[in-house]
Amino acid sequence: MTQKLVSGLEPPYYTAVFTSLRPDAPEGYAETAAELRDRVVGMPGYLGHEAARTPGGIGITVAYFRDLEALDAWRLDTAHAAAKAHGREHWYEAYSVHIGKVERSYGFERK
């Protein structure tokens, strides 16, 4: 698997930063995450995402959206809403969501 960072996005755009605490590999999580990933990729205004998880169970996912309308469409998506409710009940010990507007962006990539 090749890891690649999201780059080359022209600001302004928006981020949804989802930080969570959950046990490793709870039942049904991987399948639901894959279904949601396939779903969001097809949504207008979705620009990409990056995710990382520590061995201790802290996870951070940053999703990028062209505008607030695209981000709200994802927030209100029925499958996403159902997964959030299931996650609160069965998977997560805690989570937080932070929404931000990116006004400047730059990066580096070794060739």
Protein backbone atom coordinates (compact mmCIF):
# COMPACT_ATOMS: atom_id res chain seq x y z
CA MET A 1 0.00 0.00 0.00
CA THR A 2 1.35 3.39 -0.96
CA GLN A 3 0.81 6.16 1.55
CA LYS A 4 0.13 9.57 0.06
CA LEU A 5 -0.70 12.86 1.69
CA VAL A 6 -3.46 15.10 0.41
CA SER A 7 -1.71 18.02 -1.29
CA GLY A 8 -2.11 20.60 -4.01
CA LEU A 9 -5.46 21.90 -2.80
CA GLU A 10 -6.16 25.52 -3.61
CA PRO A 11 -7.47 27.43 -0.56
CA PRO A 12 -9.91 28.28 0.68
CA TYR A 13 -11.34 24.90 1.58
CA TYR A 14 -12.64 23.28 4.75
CA THR A 15 -11.45 20.53 7.05
CA ALA A 16 -13.31 18.23 9.40
CA VAL A 17 -10.89 16.90 12.01
CA PHE A 18 -12.27 13.81 13.76
CA THR A 19 -10.28 12.72 16.81
CA SER A 20 -11.39 9.56 18.57
CA LEU A 21 -10.56 7.08 21.28
CA ARG A 22 -11.66 3.51 20.63
CA PRO A 23 -10.45 -0.03 21.24
CA ASP A 24 -8.50 -1.75 18.49
CA ALA A 25 -10.64 -3.29 15.73
CA PRO A 26 -14.13 -3.38 17.27
CA GLU A 27 -16.56 -5.70 15.51
CA GLY A 28 -17.95 -4.25 12.28
CA TYR A 29 -15.82 -1.12 12.36
CA ALA A 30 -13.54 -1.88 9.39
CA GLU A 31 -16.45 -2.81 7.13
CA THR A 32 -18.42 0.31 8.03
CA ALA A 33 -15.35 2.53 7.58
CA ALA A 34 -14.74 1.06 4.10
CA GLU A 35 -18.39 1.61 3.10
CA LEU A 36 -18.32 5.21 4.30
CA ARG A 37 -14.99 5.85 2.57
CA ASP A 38 -16.47 4.62 -0.73
CA ARG A 39 -19.53 6.78 -0.15
CA VAL A 40 -17.75 10.06 0.66
CA VAL A 41 -15.30 9.71 -2.25
CA GLY A 42 -18.24 10.04 -4.67
CA MET A 43 -19.70 13.15 -3.08
CA PRO A 44 -19.37 16.49 -4.88
CA GLY A 45 -16.92 18.75 -3.08
CA TYR A 46 -15.01 15.98 -1.28
CA LEU A 47 -11.25 16.58 -1.77
CA GLY A 48 -9.61 13.75 0.18
CA HIS A 49 -8.67 12.63 3.66
CA GLU A 50 -5.78 11.43 5.82
CA ALA A 51 -5.96 9.19 8.89
CA ALA A 52 -3.66 7.85 11.59
CA ARG A 53 -4.11 5.75 14.73
CA THR A 54 -1.82 5.17 17.68
CA PRO A 55 -1.36 1.73 19.24
CA GLY A 56 -3.15 3.12 22.30
CA GLY A 57 -6.38 3.73 20.39
CA ILE A 58 -6.25 7.46 19.59
CA GLY A 59 -7.24 8.12 15.98
CA ILE A 60 -7.22 11.28 13.90
CA THR A 61 -8.92 11.64 10.54
CA VAL A 62 -8.75 14.90 8.61
CA ALA A 63 -11.23 15.18 5.72
CA TYR A 64 -11.05 18.00 3.18
CA PHE A 65 -14.07 19.60 1.48
CA ARG A 66 -14.31 22.37 -1.10
CA ASP A 67 -17.00 24.29 0.81
CA LEU A 68 -19.34 24.15 3.79
CA GLU A 69 -22.19 22.86 1.64
CA ALA A 70 -20.15 19.76 0.74
CA LEU A 71 -19.15 19.26 4.36
CA ASP A 72 -22.77 19.61 5.50
CA ALA A 73 -23.89 17.12 2.84
CA TRP A 74 -21.49 14.59 4.38
CA ARG A 75 -22.59 15.44 7.93
CA LEU A 76 -26.23 14.90 6.95
CA ASP A 77 -25.66 11.77 4.83
CA THR A 78 -27.99 9.04 6.16
CA ALA A 79 -25.38 6.25 6.20
CA HIS A 80 -22.86 8.54 7.89
CA ALA A 81 -25.43 9.60 10.50
CA ALA A 82 -26.32 5.95 11.21
CA ALA A 83 -22.62 5.05 11.60
CA LYS A 84 -22.11 7.96 14.00
CA ALA A 85 -25.02 6.79 16.17
CA HIS A 86 -23.75 3.19 16.13
CA GLY A 87 -20.24 4.40 16.95
CA ARG A 88 -21.40 6.34 19.99
CA GLU A 89 -23.26 3.27 21.21
CA HIS A 90 -20.70 0.56 20.42
CA TRP A 91 -17.24 1.71 19.27
CA TYR A 92 -16.03 4.97 20.75
CA GLU A 93 -14.99 5.85 24.25
CA ALA A 94 -14.88 9.52 23.19
CA TYR A 95 -14.54 11.68 20.09
CA SER A 96 -14.37 15.29 19.04
CA VAL A 97 -14.94 17.06 15.74
CA HIS A 98 -13.31 20.33 14.73
CA ILE A 99 -14.34 22.22 11.58
CA GLY A 100 -11.93 24.73 10.08
CA LYS A 101 -11.45 26.95 7.08
CA VAL A 102 -8.04 26.62 5.45
CA GLU A 103 -6.78 29.93 4.11
CA ARG A 104 -3.19 28.92 3.39
CA SER A 105 -1.64 25.57 2.55
CA TYR A 106 1.84 24.41 1.56
CA GLY A 107 3.93 21.27 1.71
CA PHE A 108 7.06 19.33 0.82
CA GLU A 109 7.57 16.03 -0.96
CA ARG A 110 10.90 14.30 -1.47
CA LYS A 111 11.27 13.09 -5.05
